[in-house]
Amino acid sequence: MKKNMENEMPNSKLDRISPSMVADYMSCPLCFYYRYIAKIRLPQKQIHLLFGSAIHLGIEHIYDNSDPYEPFIKAFDINRLNDDEKEMHVEYLGLGQEMLKNYQSEHPLLNELFNLHGGESEKYFRRKLINPMTGEESSLPYAGKIDRLTTNIIEYKTAGKKWNPDDVPFKVQTLIYNLWFYSEFGYLPDETVYIILLKKYKKVELKTKTKINQTIQVLTNHCTLNDLASIFDEVELILDKINKGQFERPRGGWHPVWCDCYKFEEILALK
């Protein structure tokens, strides 16, 4: 793959940038090119996307003091799964109800700690953002959706294992959401809170027959203005590279064989 694809690629002009797009470019510019510029679609499993959306819907009903299980069950519709995923429907249906039950028991304490009820859900944004140090406006609008916005930024996730707070997508999303908050309101949120519902049942300690809660992970982060200025500059640099057609696979070290860039090339029969 050539370093610069400017003369052979589709129009690389974007109309917006999002945290996931930034994280994708940081991980593999070539993968970014296939996904967002060439707009090639990989075959995609539906079960995890559908399951996560259904869990989010169930949580929203907890805020309304209504039953979270019925909307979860209705949203996690077996007819929306791929044929090879349908045999997992019953297993995930039971797991999802257990996860909602576990979260429901922790919700009052989390609300007390993080002011969960004092705001609004599903906060969409699309606007140009501001460098807090220079006042410079971003060259493109940023777009995203915050699960719940109070004095904090609240994000709900489902995961098979605990998150690593050093992972690039986690850091990028946190910084960009905080940059939007600052650009919108002129000050920083109290905290960014990730509430991660783990895809597991509560374990029972056989000797005491007590349940060990290993089903909820909470990560918090507080950004500084310097942090936000740094991500602003980093994204502007990335946008400049995109406009110049710089989409080379990372070199100089090991690149994971599970990166989607290889899957795209398999589809295109590239060698």
Protein backbone atom coordinates (compact mmCIF):
# COMPACT_ATOMS: atom_id res chain seq x y z
CA MET A 1 0.00 0.00 0.00
CA LYS A 2 1.43 3.37 -0.99
CA LYS A 3 2.15 6.02 1.60
CA ASN A 4 -0.01 8.57 -0.14
CA MET A 5 -3.19 7.55 -1.97
CA GLU A 6 -4.27 11.08 -2.86
CA ASN A 7 -4.23 10.52 -6.62
CA GLU A 8 -6.00 7.14 -6.68
CA MET A 9 -8.59 7.27 -3.93
CA PRO A 10 -12.19 8.43 -3.68
CA ASN A 11 -12.75 11.94 -2.36
CA SER A 12 -11.32 12.00 1.17
CA LYS A 13 -13.26 15.08 2.26
CA LEU A 14 -15.29 14.36 5.38
CA ASP A 15 -18.26 16.33 6.66
CA ARG A 16 -17.66 15.46 10.33
CA ILE A 17 -15.40 13.51 12.67
CA SER A 18 -16.32 11.29 15.62
CA PRO A 19 -14.42 9.68 18.51
CA SER A 20 -14.58 6.25 16.89
CA MET A 21 -13.25 7.65 13.60
CA VAL A 22 -10.33 9.31 15.39
CA ALA A 23 -9.53 6.10 17.29
CA ASP A 24 -9.70 4.09 14.06
CA TYR A 25 -7.21 6.38 12.32
CA MET A 26 -4.84 6.26 15.29
CA SER A 27 -4.96 2.45 15.27
CA CYS A 28 -4.66 1.94 11.51
CA PRO A 29 -4.97 4.67 8.84
CA LEU A 30 -5.41 2.01 6.14
CA CYS A 31 -8.37 0.52 7.97
CA PHE A 32 -9.81 4.03 8.28
CA TYR A 33 -9.47 4.47 4.54
CA TYR A 34 -11.38 1.29 3.71
CA ARG A 35 -14.12 2.00 6.24
CA TYR A 36 -14.75 5.74 5.89
CA ILE A 37 -13.32 6.79 2.52
CA ALA A 38 -13.84 3.75 0.28
CA LYS A 39 -16.93 2.92 2.39
CA ILE A 40 -16.48 -0.85 2.18
CA ARG A 41 -18.67 -2.83 4.56
CA LEU A 42 -17.47 -5.94 6.35
CA PRO A 43 -19.88 -8.74 7.21
CA GLN A 44 -21.00 -7.89 10.72
CA LYS A 45 -22.44 -9.89 13.56
CA GLN A 46 -25.68 -8.39 14.84
CA ILE A 47 -25.99 -10.04 18.23
CA HIS A 48 -23.57 -7.83 20.14
CA LEU A 49 -24.90 -4.58 18.63
CA LEU A 50 -28.50 -5.59 19.22
CA PHE A 51 -27.75 -6.83 22.73
CA GLY A 52 -25.99 -3.60 23.71
CA SER A 53 -28.81 -1.44 22.35
CA ALA A 54 -31.42 -3.53 24.19
CA ILE A 55 -29.47 -3.21 27.48
CA HIS A 56 -29.31 0.57 27.01
CA LEU A 57 -33.07 0.66 26.48
CA GLY A 58 -33.63 -1.33 29.65
CA ILE A 59 -31.46 1.09 31.64
CA GLU A 60 -33.47 4.04 30.34
CA HIS A 61 -36.60 2.51 31.88
CA ILE A 62 -34.83 2.29 35.24
CA TYR A 63 -34.58 6.09 35.11
CA ASP A 64 -38.35 6.21 34.58
CA ASN A 65 -38.91 3.85 37.54
CA SER A 66 -40.49 1.33 35.18
CA ASP A 67 -39.80 -2.31 34.34
CA PRO A 68 -36.50 -2.61 32.39
CA TYR A 69 -36.98 -6.25 31.41
CA GLU A 70 -39.95 -6.04 29.05
CA PRO A 71 -38.39 -3.37 26.78
CA PHE A 72 -35.11 -5.30 26.81
CA ILE A 73 -36.83 -8.53 25.77
CA LYS A 74 -38.82 -6.77 23.06
CA ALA A 75 -35.78 -4.97 21.65
CA PHE A 76 -33.62 -8.09 21.67
CA ASP A 77 -35.67 -9.57 18.84
CA ILE A 78 -34.46 -12.92 17.54
CA ASN A 79 -35.73 -12.02 14.05
CA ARG A 80 -33.10 -9.27 13.81
CA LEU A 81 -30.22 -11.69 14.31
CA ASN A 82 -28.24 -13.43 11.61
CA ASP A 83 -29.27 -17.05 11.10
CA ASP A 84 -26.05 -18.38 12.67
CA GLU A 85 -26.63 -16.24 15.78
CA LYS A 86 -30.19 -17.28 16.57
CA GLU A 87 -29.14 -20.32 18.57
CA MET A 88 -27.48 -17.93 21.07
CA HIS A 89 -30.64 -15.87 21.59
CA VAL A 90 -31.94 -17.71 24.68
CA GLU A 91 -28.53 -17.60 26.36
CA TYR A 92 -28.14 -13.85 25.77
CA LEU A 93 -31.74 -13.19 26.76
CA GLY A 94 -31.14 -14.72 30.18
CA LEU A 95 -27.76 -13.03 30.54
CA GLY A 96 -29.20 -9.61 29.69
CA GLN A 97 -31.92 -9.90 32.30
CA GLU A 98 -29.30 -10.89 34.88
CA MET A 99 -27.14 -7.90 33.92
CA LEU A 100 -30.08 -5.52 34.26
CA LYS A 101 -30.95 -7.04 37.63
CA ASN A 102 -27.36 -6.59 38.81
CA TYR A 103 -27.28 -3.00 37.59
CA GLN A 104 -30.67 -2.20 39.11
CA SER A 105 -29.35 -3.17 42.55
CA GLU A 106 -26.35 -0.83 42.12
CA HIS A 107 -28.21 2.07 40.51
CA PRO A 108 -29.24 3.89 43.75
CA LEU A 109 -25.63 4.04 44.97
CA LEU A 110 -24.31 5.08 41.56
CA ASN A 111 -26.96 7.80 41.40
CA GLU A 112 -25.87 9.08 44.80
CA LEU A 113 -22.23 9.13 43.72
CA PHE A 114 -22.59 10.54 40.22
CA ASN A 115 -25.91 12.43 40.05
CA LEU A 116 -27.29 10.12 37.38
CA HIS A 117 -30.86 11.42 37.56
CA GLY A 118 -30.02 15.11 37.29
CA GLY A 119 -29.87 15.37 33.53
CA GLU A 120 -30.95 14.01 30.16
CA SER A 121 -30.31 10.86 28.14
CA GLU A 122 -29.24 10.34 24.54
CA LYS A 123 -27.57 13.73 24.10
CA TYR A 124 -26.61 14.07 20.44
CA PHE A 125 -24.16 16.73 19.35
CA ARG A 126 -22.68 17.97 16.11
CA ARG A 127 -20.70 21.17 16.17
CA LYS A 128 -17.27 22.63 15.66
CA LEU A 129 -15.24 22.55 18.84
CA ILE A 130 -12.95 25.09 20.45
CA ASN A 131 -9.33 24.78 21.52
CA PRO A 132 -9.56 25.97 25.16
CA MET A 133 -6.04 27.41 25.06
CA THR A 134 -6.10 29.30 21.77
CA GLY A 135 -9.78 29.80 20.96
CA GLU A 136 -9.20 28.18 17.54
CA GLU A 137 -12.25 26.51 15.99
CA SER A 138 -11.98 22.96 14.64
CA SER A 139 -11.85 22.54 10.87
CA LEU A 140 -14.72 20.00 10.97
CA PRO A 141 -17.74 19.49 13.22
CA TYR A 142 -17.44 16.76 15.80
CA ALA A 143 -20.38 14.38 16.12
CA GLY A 144 -21.34 11.96 18.86
CA LYS A 145 -23.93 10.75 21.32
CA ILE A 146 -23.56 10.85 25.09
CA ASP A 147 -25.61 8.26 26.93
CA ARG A 148 -26.49 10.59 29.79
CA LEU A 149 -25.52 14.18 30.50
CA THR A 150 -25.72 15.68 33.98
CA THR A 151 -22.99 17.67 35.72
CA ASN A 152 -21.06 14.57 34.62
CA ILE A 153 -20.70 12.76 31.31
CA ILE A 154 -22.17 9.28 31.80
CA GLU A 155 -21.49 6.40 29.41
CA TYR A 156 -22.93 2.88 29.65
CA LYS A 157 -21.10 -0.03 28.04
CA THR A 158 -21.48 -3.80 27.87
CA ALA A 159 -18.32 -5.90 27.75
CA GLY A 160 -17.15 -9.46 28.06
CA LYS A 161 -14.27 -8.46 30.32
CA LYS A 162 -13.12 -5.43 32.29
CA TRP A 163 -12.00 -2.38 30.36
CA ASN A 164 -8.42 -1.19 30.31
CA PRO A 165 -8.45 2.59 30.95
CA ASP A 166 -5.31 2.94 28.83
CA ASP A 167 -7.03 1.68 25.67
CA VAL A 168 -7.01 4.23 22.84
CA PRO A 169 -10.80 4.26 22.16
CA PHE A 170 -11.51 4.88 25.86
CA LYS A 171 -9.07 7.79 26.06
CA VAL A 172 -10.15 9.36 22.76
CA GLN A 173 -13.86 9.22 23.53
CA THR A 174 -13.28 10.71 26.99
CA LEU A 175 -11.22 13.60 25.68
CA ILE A 176 -13.48 14.45 22.75
CA TYR A 177 -16.64 14.32 24.88
CA ASN A 178 -15.00 16.65 27.39
CA LEU A 179 -13.87 18.96 24.58
CA TRP A 180 -17.46 19.13 23.34
CA PHE A 181 -18.74 19.82 26.87
CA TYR A 182 -16.26 22.65 27.32
CA SER A 183 -17.01 24.12 23.88
CA GLU A 184 -20.76 23.99 24.62
CA PHE A 185 -20.82 25.25 28.21
CA GLY A 186 -17.51 27.03 28.80
CA TYR A 187 -16.43 24.83 31.70
CA LEU A 188 -15.47 21.23 32.36
CA PRO A 189 -17.80 18.47 33.57
CA ASP A 190 -17.25 17.22 37.10
CA GLU A 191 -16.25 13.78 35.87
CA THR A 192 -16.56 11.39 32.97
CA VAL A 193 -18.07 8.16 34.27
CA TYR A 194 -18.09 4.83 32.42
CA ILE A 195 -20.47 2.26 33.88
CA ILE A 196 -19.57 -1.08 32.31
CA LEU A 197 -22.03 -3.96 32.62
CA LEU A 198 -19.99 -7.13 32.33
CA LYS A 199 -21.49 -10.07 30.47
CA LYS A 200 -21.41 -12.48 33.37
CA TYR A 201 -23.50 -13.83 36.20
CA LYS A 202 -22.78 -13.18 39.86
CA LYS A 203 -20.55 -15.89 41.23
CA VAL A 204 -21.43 -17.70 44.44
CA GLU A 205 -18.74 -18.46 47.00
CA LEU A 206 -19.47 -22.07 47.86
CA LYS A 207 -18.23 -22.04 51.46
CA THR A 208 -20.27 -19.04 52.60
CA LYS A 209 -22.90 -19.17 49.83
CA THR A 210 -22.50 -15.42 49.39
CA LYS A 211 -22.64 -13.67 46.03
CA ILE A 212 -19.52 -11.90 44.83
CA ASN A 213 -20.35 -8.88 42.71
CA GLN A 214 -17.96 -8.84 39.78
CA THR A 215 -20.52 -7.69 37.27
CA ILE A 216 -20.20 -3.87 37.28
CA GLN A 217 -17.05 -1.88 36.55
CA VAL A 218 -16.95 1.88 37.09
CA LEU A 219 -14.21 4.05 35.60
CA THR A 220 -13.96 7.79 36.21
CA ASN A 221 -11.81 10.43 34.60
CA HIS A 222 -11.28 14.16 35.05
CA CYS A 223 -9.69 16.00 32.13
CA THR A 224 -7.71 19.24 32.22
CA LEU A 225 -7.74 22.08 29.71
CA ASN A 226 -4.25 21.02 28.65
CA ASP A 227 -5.61 17.55 27.88
CA LEU A 228 -8.34 19.05 25.72
CA ALA A 229 -5.94 21.35 23.86
CA SER A 230 -3.72 18.35 23.12
CA ILE A 231 -6.54 16.23 21.65
CA PHE A 232 -7.76 19.23 19.64
CA ASP A 233 -4.29 19.61 18.04
CA GLU A 234 -3.96 15.85 17.53
CA VAL A 235 -7.28 15.58 15.71
CA GLU A 236 -6.48 18.59 13.53
CA LEU A 237 -3.22 16.89 12.55
CA ILE A 238 -5.13 13.70 11.71
CA LEU A 239 -7.60 15.66 9.58
CA ASP A 240 -4.72 17.24 7.69
CA LYS A 241 -3.28 13.77 6.98
CA ILE A 242 -6.67 12.55 5.80
CA ASN A 243 -7.02 15.49 3.42
CA LYS A 244 -3.55 14.68 2.05
CA GLY A 245 -4.52 11.06 1.45
CA GLN A 246 -2.14 9.56 4.01
CA PHE A 247 -3.56 6.10 4.72
CA GLU A 248 -0.62 3.77 5.15
CA ARG A 249 -0.78 0.71 7.36
CA PRO A 250 1.38 1.34 10.48
CA ARG A 251 4.98 0.35 9.96
CA GLY A 252 8.02 -0.01 12.15
CA GLY A 253 6.53 -2.61 14.43
CA TRP A 254 4.13 -5.49 14.77
CA HIS A 255 0.63 -4.85 13.46
CA PRO A 256 -2.13 -7.08 14.89
CA VAL A 257 -3.23 -9.79 12.49
CA TRP A 258 -6.84 -9.30 13.63
CA CYS A 259 -6.92 -5.70 12.37
CA ASP A 260 -9.85 -5.16 10.02
CA CYS A 261 -7.50 -3.81 7.33
CA TYR A 262 -6.64 -7.42 6.47
CA LYS A 263 -10.31 -8.38 6.34
CA PHE A 264 -10.99 -5.53 3.93
CA GLU A 265 -8.16 -6.75 1.72
CA GLU A 266 -9.53 -10.26 1.73
CA ILE A 267 -12.83 -8.91 0.46
CA LEU A 268 -11.07 -6.93 -2.24
CA ALA A 269 -8.75 -9.88 -3.04
CA LEU A 270 -5.74 -7.63 -2.58
CA LYS A 271 -2.27 -9.08 -2.08
